[in-house]
Amino acid sequence: VATGRVERGQIKVGEEIEIIGLTEESSKTTVTGVEMFRKLLDFAEAGDNIGALLRGVAREDVNRGQVLAKPGSITPHTKFKAEVYVLSKDEGGRHTPFFT
């Protein structure tokens, strides 16, 4: 069972999905059930907190931070560039420095 919130779109029983994130390779499986508050549903939509029953996937196979998505719809990234401005103490920001 994978638990979490449906961020966008819908998830339906019988739909093929991909488990993405934290590992180099994603894995494909099928949704065998959708539960919300211990009730089985045919589908869930954006905003619903659900448990998704996945064919052939043990609880240990899905980790916090992974995402269920339609196959090929999103790709994971492990690096990015950002420009960050950290507020000074006088501006209401950090009192202690960052260590990298």
PDB file of N, CA and C in Angstrom:
ATOM      1  N   VAL A   1       0.846  -1.187   0.000  1.00  0.00           N
ATOM      2  CA  VAL A   1       0.000   0.000   0.000  1.00  0.00           C
ATOM      3  C   VAL A   1       0.886   1.244   0.000  1.00  0.00           C
ATOM      4  N   ALA A   2       0.638   2.138  -0.926  1.00  0.00           N
ATOM      5  CA  ALA A   2       1.313   3.437  -0.958  1.00  0.00           C
ATOM      6  C   ALA A   2       0.294   4.480  -0.511  1.00  0.00           C
ATOM      7  N   THR A   3       0.656   5.303   0.455  1.00  0.00           N
ATOM      8  CA  THR A   3      -0.278   6.313   0.945  1.00  0.00           C
ATOM      9  C   THR A   3       0.212   7.710   0.590  1.00  0.00           C
ATOM     10  N   GLY A   4      -0.737   8.618   0.415  1.00  0.00           N
ATOM     11  CA  GLY A   4      -0.385  10.000   0.114  1.00  0.00           C
ATOM     12  C   GLY A   4      -1.553  10.750  -0.482  1.00  0.00           C
ATOM     13  N   ARG A   5      -1.275  11.952  -0.956  1.00  0.00           N
ATOM     14  CA  ARG A   5      -2.313  12.813  -1.525  1.00  0.00           C
ATOM     15  C   ARG A   5      -2.206  12.812  -3.040  1.00  0.00           C
ATOM     16  N   VAL A   6      -3.353  12.785  -3.681  1.00  0.00           N
ATOM     17  CA  VAL A   6      -3.397  12.927  -5.136  1.00  0.00           C
ATOM     18  C   VAL A   6      -3.211  14.414  -5.419  1.00  0.00           C
ATOM     19  N   GLU A   7      -2.091  14.777  -6.031  1.00  0.00           N
ATOM     20  CA  GLU A   7      -1.768  16.184  -6.272  1.00  0.00           C
ATOM     21  C   GLU A   7      -2.504  16.752  -7.477  1.00  0.00           C
ATOM     22  N   ARG A   8      -2.618  15.950  -8.539  1.00  0.00           N
ATOM     23  CA  ARG A   8      -3.336  16.419  -9.727  1.00  0.00           C
ATOM     24  C   ARG A   8      -3.863  15.217 -10.498  1.00  0.00           C
ATOM     25  N   GLY A   9      -4.918  15.436 -11.239  1.00  0.00           N
ATOM     26  CA  GLY A   9      -5.510  14.368 -12.041  1.00  0.00           C
ATOM     27  C   GLY A   9      -6.289  13.375 -11.206  1.00  0.00           C
ATOM     28  N   GLN A  10      -6.384  12.152 -11.723  1.00  0.00           N
ATOM     29  CA  GLN A  10      -7.103  11.078 -11.054  1.00  0.00           C
ATOM     30  C   GLN A  10      -6.255   9.817 -11.048  1.00  0.00           C
ATOM     31  N   ILE A  11      -6.572   8.930 -10.122  1.00  0.00           N
ATOM     32  CA  ILE A  11      -5.989   7.595 -10.116  1.00  0.00           C
ATOM     33  C   ILE A  11      -7.155   6.619 -10.066  1.00  0.00           C
ATOM     34  N   LYS A  12      -7.133   5.638 -10.964  1.00  0.00           N
ATOM     35  CA  LYS A  12      -8.248   4.702 -11.090  1.00  0.00           C
ATOM     36  C   LYS A  12      -7.766   3.270 -10.910  1.00  0.00           C
ATOM     37  N   VAL A  13      -8.664   2.426 -10.423  1.00  0.00           N
ATOM     38  CA  VAL A  13      -8.370   1.001 -10.292  1.00  0.00           C
ATOM     39  C   VAL A  13      -8.159   0.424 -11.691  1.00  0.00           C
ATOM     40  N   GLY A  14      -7.117  -0.382 -11.851  1.00  0.00           N
ATOM     41  CA  GLY A  14      -6.798  -0.990 -13.138  1.00  0.00           C
ATOM     42  C   GLY A  14      -5.840  -0.182 -13.985  1.00  0.00           C
ATOM     43  N   GLU A  15      -5.526   1.029 -13.551  1.00  0.00           N
ATOM     44  CA  GLU A  15      -4.635   1.907 -14.301  1.00  0.00           C
ATOM     45  C   GLU A  15      -3.176   1.492 -14.090  1.00  0.00           C
ATOM     46  N   GLU A  16      -2.375   1.582 -15.147  1.00  0.00           N
ATOM     47  CA  GLU A  16      -0.945   1.305 -15.022  1.00  0.00           C
ATOM     48  C   GLU A  16      -0.255   2.579 -14.550  1.00  0.00           C
ATOM     49  N   ILE A  17       0.622   2.434 -13.546  1.00  0.00           N
ATOM     50  CA  ILE A  17       1.346   3.587 -13.007  1.00  0.00           C
ATOM     51  C   ILE A  17       2.827   3.256 -12.896  1.00  0.00           C
ATOM     52  N   GLU A  18       3.607   4.313 -12.644  1.00  0.00           N
ATOM     53  CA  GLU A  18       5.045   4.183 -12.505  1.00  0.00           C
ATOM     54  C   GLU A  18       5.439   4.739 -11.138  1.00  0.00           C
ATOM     55  N   ILE A  19       6.311   4.035 -10.420  1.00  0.00           N
ATOM     56  CA  ILE A  19       6.829   4.513  -9.138  1.00  0.00           C
ATOM     57  C   ILE A  19       8.165   5.187  -9.431  1.00  0.00           C
ATOM     58  N   ILE A  20       8.229   6.498  -9.165  1.00  0.00           N
ATOM     59  CA  ILE A  20       9.375   7.311  -9.574  1.00  0.00           C
ATOM     60  C   ILE A  20      10.051   7.937  -8.361  1.00  0.00           C
ATOM     61  N   GLY A  21      11.383   8.013  -8.404  1.00  0.00           N
ATOM     62  CA  GLY A  21      12.137   8.730  -7.392  1.00  0.00           C
ATOM     63  C   GLY A  21      12.963   7.840  -6.488  1.00  0.00           C
ATOM     64  N   LEU A  22      14.052   8.409  -5.967  1.00  0.00           N
ATOM     65  CA  LEU A  22      14.973   7.801  -5.012  1.00  0.00           C
ATOM     66  C   LEU A  22      15.824   6.664  -5.571  1.00  0.00           C
ATOM     67  N   THR A  23      15.432   6.045  -6.651  1.00  0.00           N
ATOM     68  CA  THR A  23      16.235   5.003  -7.283  1.00  0.00           C
ATOM     69  C   THR A  23      16.493   5.404  -8.727  1.00  0.00           C
ATOM     70  N   GLU A  24      17.518   4.831  -9.320  1.00  0.00           N
ATOM     71  CA  GLU A  24      17.861   5.158 -10.708  1.00  0.00           C
ATOM     72  C   GLU A  24      16.760   4.734 -11.674  1.00  0.00           C
ATOM     73  N   GLU A  25      16.184   3.561 -11.423  1.00  0.00           N
ATOM     74  CA  GLU A  25      15.163   3.045 -12.331  1.00  0.00           C
ATOM     75  C   GLU A  25      13.787   3.148 -11.691  1.00  0.00           C
ATOM     76  N   SER A  26      12.803   3.502 -12.492  1.00  0.00           N
ATOM     77  CA  SER A  26      11.431   3.517 -12.008  1.00  0.00           C
ATOM     78  C   SER A  26      10.839   2.131 -12.251  1.00  0.00           C
ATOM     79  N   SER A  27       9.784   1.807 -11.518  1.00  0.00           N
ATOM     80  CA  SER A  27       9.136   0.510 -11.711  1.00  0.00           C
ATOM     81  C   SER A  27       7.671   0.719 -12.068  1.00  0.00           C
ATOM     82  N   LYS A  28       7.169  -0.120 -12.958  1.00  0.00           N
ATOM     83  CA  LYS A  28       5.773  -0.027 -13.388  1.00  0.00           C
ATOM     84  C   LYS A  28       4.950  -1.090 -12.686  1.00  0.00           C
ATOM     85  N   THR A  29       3.718  -0.739 -12.361  1.00  0.00           N
ATOM     86  CA  THR A  29       2.787  -1.670 -11.739  1.00  0.00           C
ATOM     87  C   THR A  29       1.363  -1.226 -12.048  1.00  0.00           C
ATOM     88  N   THR A  30       0.402  -1.959 -11.528  1.00  0.00           N
ATOM     89  CA  THR A  30      -1.008  -1.659 -11.770  1.00  0.00           C
ATOM     90  C   THR A  30      -1.700  -1.381 -10.443  1.00  0.00           C
ATOM     91  N   VAL A  31      -2.604  -0.413 -10.441  1.00  0.00           N
ATOM     92  CA  VAL A  31      -3.388  -0.085  -9.252  1.00  0.00           C
ATOM     93  C   VAL A  31      -4.496  -1.134  -9.125  1.00  0.00           C
ATOM     94  N   THR A  32      -4.493  -1.869  -8.009  1.00  0.00           N
ATOM     95  CA  THR A  32      -5.523  -2.893  -7.803  1.00  0.00           C
ATOM     96  C   THR A  32      -6.627  -2.415  -6.875  1.00  0.00           C
ATOM     97  N   GLY A  33      -6.402  -1.292  -6.186  1.00  0.00           N
ATOM     98  CA  GLY A  33      -7.425  -0.749  -5.307  1.00  0.00           C
ATOM     99  C   GLY A  33      -7.066   0.643  -4.835  1.00  0.00           C
ATOM    100  N   VAL A  34      -8.106   1.408  -4.525  1.00  0.00           N
ATOM    101  CA  VAL A  34      -7.930   2.762  -3.984  1.00  0.00           C
ATOM    102  C   VAL A  34      -8.766   2.839  -2.714  1.00  0.00           C
ATOM    103  N   GLU A  35      -8.137   3.171  -1.593  1.00  0.00           N
ATOM    104  CA  GLU A  35      -8.832   3.275  -0.313  1.00  0.00           C
ATOM    105  C   GLU A  35      -8.773   4.701   0.209  1.00  0.00           C
ATOM    106  N   MET A  36      -9.903   5.126   0.790  1.00  0.00           N
ATOM    107  CA  MET A  36      -9.930   6.420   1.467  1.00  0.00           C
ATOM    108  C   MET A  36     -10.769   6.239   2.723  1.00  0.00           C
ATOM    109  N   PHE A  37     -10.173   6.476   3.885  1.00  0.00           N
ATOM    110  CA  PHE A  37     -10.839   6.283   5.177  1.00  0.00           C
ATOM    111  C   PHE A  37     -11.434   4.882   5.284  1.00  0.00           C
ATOM    112  N   ARG A  38     -10.638   3.868   4.915  1.00  0.00           N
ATOM    113  CA  ARG A  38     -10.977   2.442   5.004  1.00  0.00           C
ATOM    114  C   ARG A  38     -12.143   2.022   4.111  1.00  0.00           C
ATOM    115  N   LYS A  39     -12.438   2.818   3.096  1.00  0.00           N
ATOM    116  CA  LYS A  39     -13.479   2.458   2.123  1.00  0.00           C
ATOM    117  C   LYS A  39     -12.835   2.292   0.760  1.00  0.00           C
ATOM    118  N   LEU A  40     -13.182   1.227   0.064  1.00  0.00           N
ATOM    119  CA  LEU A  40     -12.657   0.992  -1.280  1.00  0.00           C
ATOM    120  C   LEU A  40     -13.399   1.860  -2.282  1.00  0.00           C
ATOM    121  N   LEU A  41     -12.653   2.505  -3.170  1.00  0.00           N
ATOM    122  CA  LEU A  41     -13.228   3.379  -4.191  1.00  0.00           C
ATOM    123  C   LEU A  41     -12.785   2.911  -5.570  1.00  0.00           C
ATOM    124  N   ASP A  42     -13.489   3.365  -6.603  1.00  0.00           N
ATOM    125  CA  ASP A  42     -13.103   3.068  -7.984  1.00  0.00           C
ATOM    126  C   ASP A  42     -12.017   4.024  -8.462  1.00  0.00           C
ATOM    127  N   PHE A  43     -12.017   5.243  -7.915  1.00  0.00           N
ATOM    128  CA  PHE A  43     -11.028   6.245  -8.311  1.00  0.00           C
ATOM    129  C   PHE A  43     -10.891   7.291  -7.216  1.00  0.00           C
ATOM    130  N   ALA A  44      -9.842   8.086  -7.320  1.00  0.00           N
ATOM    131  CA  ALA A  44      -9.636   9.231  -6.432  1.00  0.00           C
ATOM    132  C   ALA A  44      -9.182  10.393  -7.299  1.00  0.00           C
ATOM    133  N   GLU A  45      -9.464  11.619  -6.844  1.00  0.00           N
ATOM    134  CA  GLU A  45      -9.071  12.788  -7.628  1.00  0.00           C
ATOM    135  C   GLU A  45      -8.244  13.748  -6.786  1.00  0.00           C
ATOM    136  N   ALA A  46      -7.762  14.792  -7.426  1.00  0.00           N
ATOM    137  CA  ALA A  46      -6.862  15.759  -6.797  1.00  0.00           C
ATOM    138  C   ALA A  46      -7.414  16.233  -5.454  1.00  0.00           C
ATOM    139  N   GLY A  47      -6.537  16.228  -4.448  1.00  0.00           N
ATOM    140  CA  GLY A  47      -6.910  16.669  -3.111  1.00  0.00           C
ATOM    141  C   GLY A  47      -7.257  15.538  -2.160  1.00  0.00           C
ATOM    142  N   ASP A  48      -7.515  14.336  -2.682  1.00  0.00           N
ATOM    143  CA  ASP A  48      -7.873  13.192  -1.841  1.00  0.00           C
ATOM    144  C   ASP A  48      -6.628  12.576  -1.208  1.00  0.00           C
ATOM    145  N   ASN A  49      -6.732  12.223   0.068  1.00  0.00           N
ATOM    146  CA  ASN A  49      -5.682  11.461   0.748  1.00  0.00           C
ATOM    147  C   ASN A  49      -6.069   9.992   0.659  1.00  0.00           C
ATOM    148  N   ILE A  50      -5.216   9.186   0.045  1.00  0.00           N
ATOM    149  CA  ILE A  50      -5.591   7.808  -0.265  1.00  0.00           C
ATOM    150  C   ILE A  50      -4.496   6.810   0.102  1.00  0.00           C
ATOM    151  N   GLY A  51      -4.888   5.553   0.048  1.00  0.00           N
ATOM    152  CA  GLY A  51      -3.958   4.435   0.059  1.00  0.00           C
ATOM    153  C   GLY A  51      -4.161   3.726  -1.260  1.00  0.00           C
ATOM    154  N   ALA A  52      -3.100   3.518  -2.011  1.00  0.00           N
ATOM    155  CA  ALA A  52      -3.194   2.840  -3.311  1.00  0.00           C
ATOM    156  C   ALA A  52      -2.621   1.436  -3.176  1.00  0.00           C
ATOM    157  N   LEU A  53      -3.441   0.436  -3.478  1.00  0.00           N
ATOM    158  CA  LEU A  53      -2.984  -0.948  -3.471  1.00  0.00           C
ATOM    159  C   LEU A  53      -2.350  -1.219  -4.820  1.00  0.00           C
ATOM    160  N   LEU A  54      -1.111  -1.719  -4.802  1.00  0.00           N
ATOM    161  CA  LEU A  54      -0.342  -1.887  -6.031  1.00  0.00           C
ATOM    162  C   LEU A  54       0.017  -3.356  -6.239  1.00  0.00           C
ATOM    163  N   ARG A  55      -0.203  -3.860  -7.440  1.00  0.00           N
ATOM    164  CA  ARG A  55       0.060  -5.261  -7.768  1.00  0.00           C
ATOM    165  C   ARG A  55       1.556  -5.575  -7.702  1.00  0.00           C
ATOM    166  N   GLY A  56       1.906  -6.587  -6.908  1.00  0.00           N
ATOM    167  CA  GLY A  56       3.282  -7.059  -6.839  1.00  0.00           C
ATOM    168  C   GLY A  56       4.257  -6.132  -6.143  1.00  0.00           C
ATOM    169  N   VAL A  57       3.753  -5.165  -5.389  1.00  0.00           N
ATOM    170  CA  VAL A  57       4.626  -4.203  -4.704  1.00  0.00           C
ATOM    171  C   VAL A  57       4.416  -4.337  -3.199  1.00  0.00           C
ATOM    172  N   ALA A  58       5.496  -4.652  -2.481  1.00  0.00           N
ATOM    173  CA  ALA A  58       5.428  -4.753  -1.025  1.00  0.00           C
ATOM    174  C   ALA A  58       5.566  -3.364  -0.407  1.00  0.00           C
ATOM    175  N   ARG A  59       5.154  -3.248   0.833  1.00  0.00           N
ATOM    176  CA  ARG A  59       5.223  -1.963   1.535  1.00  0.00           C
ATOM    177  C   ARG A  59       6.655  -1.430   1.576  1.00  0.00           C
ATOM    178  N   GLU A  60       7.633  -2.335   1.709  1.00  0.00           N
ATOM    179  CA  GLU A  60       9.035  -1.928   1.794  1.00  0.00           C
ATOM    180  C   GLU A  60       9.577  -1.423   0.457  1.00  0.00           C
ATOM    181  N   ASP A  61       8.895  -1.726  -0.635  1.00  0.00           N
ATOM    182  CA  ASP A  61       9.361  -1.331  -1.969  1.00  0.00           C
ATOM    183  C   ASP A  61       9.062   0.129  -2.301  1.00  0.00           C
ATOM    184  N   VAL A  62       8.151   0.753  -1.548  1.00  0.00           N
ATOM    185  CA  VAL A  62       7.792   2.155  -1.787  1.00  0.00           C
ATOM    186  C   VAL A  62       8.259   2.963  -0.583  1.00  0.00           C
ATOM    187  N   ASN A  63       9.041   4.012  -0.848  1.00  0.00           N
ATOM    188  CA  ASN A  63       9.602   4.836   0.225  1.00  0.00           C
ATOM    189  C   ASN A  63       9.010   6.234   0.228  1.00  0.00           C
ATOM    190  N   ARG A  64       9.117   6.871   1.381  1.00  0.00           N
ATOM    191  CA  ARG A  64       8.674   8.259   1.519  1.00  0.00           C
ATOM    192  C   ARG A  64       9.408   9.118   0.491  1.00  0.00           C
ATOM    193  N   GLY A  65       8.678   9.958  -0.217  1.00  0.00           N
ATOM    194  CA  GLY A  65       9.283  10.839  -1.209  1.00  0.00           C
ATOM    195  C   GLY A  65       9.140  10.345  -2.631  1.00  0.00           C
ATOM    196  N   GLN A  66       8.759   9.084  -2.800  1.00  0.00           N
ATOM    197  CA  GLN A  66       8.543   8.586  -4.152  1.00  0.00           C
ATOM    198  C   GLN A  66       7.172   9.038  -4.645  1.00  0.00           C
ATOM    199  N   VAL A  67       6.996   8.998  -5.963  1.00  0.00           N
ATOM    200  CA  VAL A  67       5.795   9.519  -6.602  1.00  0.00           C
ATOM    201  C   VAL A  67       5.184   8.449  -7.489  1.00  0.00           C
ATOM    202  N   LEU A  68       3.854   8.370  -7.486  1.00  0.00           N
ATOM    203  CA  LEU A  68       3.139   7.520  -8.433  1.00  0.00           C
ATOM    204  C   LEU A  68       2.656   8.416  -9.562  1.00  0.00           C
ATOM    205  N   ALA A  69       2.930   8.034 -10.795  1.00  0.00           N
ATOM    206  CA  ALA A  69       2.555   8.867 -11.941  1.00  0.00           C
ATOM    207  C   ALA A  69       2.236   7.992 -13.144  1.00  0.00           C
ATOM    208  N   LYS A  70       1.558   8.594 -14.106  1.00  0.00           N
ATOM    209  CA  LYS A  70       1.292   7.924 -15.375  1.00  0.00           C
ATOM    210  C   LYS A  70       2.638   7.653 -16.052  1.00  0.00           C
ATOM    211  N   PRO A  71       2.843   6.444 -16.589  1.00  0.00           N
ATOM    212  CA  PRO A  71       4.133   6.126 -17.212  1.00  0.00           C
ATOM    213  C   PRO A  71       4.544   7.143 -18.279  1.00  0.00           C
ATOM    214  N   GLY A  72       5.776   7.648 -18.150  1.00  0.00           N
ATOM    215  CA  GLY A  72       6.322   8.591 -19.117  1.00  0.00           C
ATOM    216  C   GLY A  72       5.907  10.033 -18.934  1.00  0.00           C
ATOM    217  N   SER A  73       5.076  10.332 -17.935  1.00  0.00           N
ATOM    218  CA  SER A  73       4.578  11.705 -17.784  1.00  0.00           C
ATOM    219  C   SER A  73       5.569  12.629 -17.079  1.00  0.00           C
ATOM    220  N   ILE A  74       6.376  12.108 -16.166  1.00  0.00           N
ATOM    221  CA  ILE A  74       7.375  12.932 -15.484  1.00  0.00           C
ATOM    222  C   ILE A  74       8.697  12.175 -15.404  1.00  0.00           C
ATOM    223  N   THR A  75       9.785  12.932 -15.253  1.00  0.00           N
ATOM    224  CA  THR A  75      11.105  12.324 -15.113  1.00  0.00           C
ATOM    225  C   THR A  75      11.766  12.864 -13.847  1.00  0.00           C
ATOM    226  N   PRO A  76      12.465  11.998 -13.119  1.00  0.00           N
ATOM    227  CA  PRO A  76      13.127  12.466 -11.896  1.00  0.00           C
ATOM    228  C   PRO A  76      14.423  13.205 -12.216  1.00  0.00           C
ATOM    229  N   HIS A  77      14.796  14.135 -11.349  1.00  0.00           N
ATOM    230  CA  HIS A  77      16.039  14.889 -11.494  1.00  0.00           C
ATOM    231  C   HIS A  77      16.820  14.783 -10.192  1.00  0.00           C
ATOM    232  N   THR A  78      18.134  14.626 -10.299  1.00  0.00           N
ATOM    233  CA  THR A  78      18.967  14.524  -9.104  1.00  0.00           C
ATOM    234  C   THR A  78      19.830  15.759  -8.888  1.00  0.00           C
ATOM    235  N   LYS A  79      19.901  16.646  -9.878  1.00  0.00           N
ATOM    236  CA  LYS A  79      20.691  17.869  -9.750  1.00  0.00           C
ATOM    237  C   LYS A  79      19.907  19.055 -10.287  1.00  0.00           C
ATOM    238  N   PHE A  80      20.162  20.205  -9.692  1.00  0.00           N
ATOM    239  CA  PHE A  80      19.598  21.448 -10.201  1.00  0.00           C
ATOM    240  C   PHE A  80      20.479  22.600  -9.748  1.00  0.00           C
ATOM    241  N   LYS A  81      20.362  23.722 -10.419  1.00  0.00           N
ATOM    242  CA  LYS A  81      21.091  24.929 -10.040  1.00  0.00           C
ATOM    243  C   LYS A  81      20.084  25.937  -9.513  1.00  0.00           C
ATOM    244  N   ALA A  82      20.500  26.669  -8.482  1.00  0.00           N
ATOM    245  CA  ALA A  82      19.624  27.681  -7.907  1.00  0.00           C
ATOM    246  C   ALA A  82      20.452  28.862  -7.435  1.00  0.00           C
ATOM    247  N   GLU A  83      19.841  30.022  -7.445  1.00  0.00           N
ATOM    248  CA  GLU A  83      20.452  31.210  -6.874  1.00  0.00           C
ATOM    249  C   GLU A  83      19.625  31.558  -5.646  1.00  0.00           C
ATOM    250  N   VAL A  84      20.275  31.585  -4.479  1.00  0.00           N
ATOM    251  CA  VAL A  84      19.564  31.739  -3.214  1.00  0.00           C
ATOM    252  C   VAL A  84      20.028  33.004  -2.507  1.00  0.00           C
ATOM    253  N   TYR A  85      19.089  33.754  -1.980  1.00  0.00           N
ATOM    254  CA  TYR A  85      19.415  34.899  -1.136  1.00  0.00           C
ATOM    255  C   TYR A  85      18.903  34.574   0.261  1.00  0.00           C
ATOM    256  N   VAL A  86      19.787  34.582   1.236  1.00  0.00           N
ATOM    257  CA  VAL A  86      19.420  34.280   2.614  1.00  0.00           C
ATOM    258  C   VAL A  86      19.328  35.594   3.375  1.00  0.00           C
ATOM    259  N   LEU A  87      18.194  35.813   4.026  1.00  0.00           N
ATOM    260  CA  LEU A  87      18.001  37.035   4.796  1.00  0.00           C
ATOM    261  C   LEU A  87      19.017  37.125   5.924  1.00  0.00           C
ATOM    262  N   SER A  88      19.508  38.335   6.166  1.00  0.00           N
ATOM    263  CA  SER A  88      20.446  38.548   7.271  1.00  0.00           C
ATOM    264  C   SER A  88      19.670  38.588   8.588  1.00  0.00           C
ATOM    265  N   LYS A  89      20.409  38.616   9.686  1.00  0.00           N
ATOM    266  CA  LYS A  89      19.780  38.676  11.003  1.00  0.00           C
ATOM    267  C   LYS A  89      18.915  39.928  11.131  1.00  0.00           C
ATOM    268  N   ASP A  90      19.405  41.053  10.610  1.00  0.00           N
ATOM    269  CA  ASP A  90      18.663  42.318  10.683  1.00  0.00           C
ATOM    270  C   ASP A  90      17.382  42.278   9.858  1.00  0.00           C
ATOM    271  N   GLU A  91      17.372  41.470   8.807  1.00  0.00           N
ATOM    272  CA  GLU A  91      16.194  41.362   7.938  1.00  0.00           C
ATOM    273  C   GLU A  91      15.195  40.319   8.443  1.00  0.00           C
ATOM    274  N   GLY A  92      15.495  39.715   9.586  1.00  0.00           N
ATOM    275  CA  GLY A  92      14.595  38.704  10.143  1.00  0.00           C
ATOM    276  C   GLY A  92      14.943  37.288   9.717  1.00  0.00           C
ATOM    277  N   GLY A  93      16.161  37.118   9.217  1.00  0.00           N
ATOM    278  CA  GLY A  93      16.590  35.802   8.743  1.00  0.00           C
ATOM    279  C   GLY A  93      17.343  35.010   9.796  1.00  0.00           C
ATOM    280  N   ARG A  94      18.249  34.180   9.314  1.00  0.00           N
ATOM    281  CA  ARG A  94      18.995  33.265  10.178  1.00  0.00           C
ATOM    282  C   ARG A  94      19.921  33.997  11.149  1.00  0.00           C
ATOM    283  N   HIS A  95      20.087  33.392  12.321  1.00  0.00           N
ATOM    284  CA  HIS A  95      21.020  33.919  13.316  1.00  0.00           C
ATOM    285  C   HIS A  95      22.349  33.161  13.257  1.00  0.00           C
ATOM    286  N   THR A  96      22.307  31.941  12.701  1.00  0.00           N
ATOM    287  CA  THR A  96      23.512  31.114  12.608  1.00  0.00           C
ATOM    288  C   THR A  96      23.810  30.826  11.142  1.00  0.00           C
ATOM    289  N   PRO A  97      25.082  30.617  10.810  1.00  0.00           N
ATOM    290  CA  PRO A  97      25.440  30.406   9.398  1.00  0.00           C
ATOM    291  C   PRO A  97      25.088  29.003   8.901  1.00  0.00           C
ATOM    292  N   PHE A  98      25.036  28.872   7.570  1.00  0.00           N
ATOM    293  CA  PHE A  98      24.901  27.565   6.924  1.00  0.00           C
ATOM    294  C   PHE A  98      26.277  26.932   6.851  1.00  0.00           C
ATOM    295  N   PHE A  99      26.349  25.639   6.976  1.00  0.00           N
ATOM    296  CA  PHE A  99      27.589  24.911   6.745  1.00  0.00           C
ATOM    297  C   PHE A  99      27.358  23.949   5.602  1.00  0.00           C
ATOM    298  N   THR A 100      28.232  23.989   4.598  1.00  0.00           N
ATOM    299  CA  THR A 100      28.052  23.097   3.447  1.00  0.00           C
ATOM    300  C   THR A 100      29.123  22.037   3.401  1.00  0.00           C
TER     301      THR A 100
END
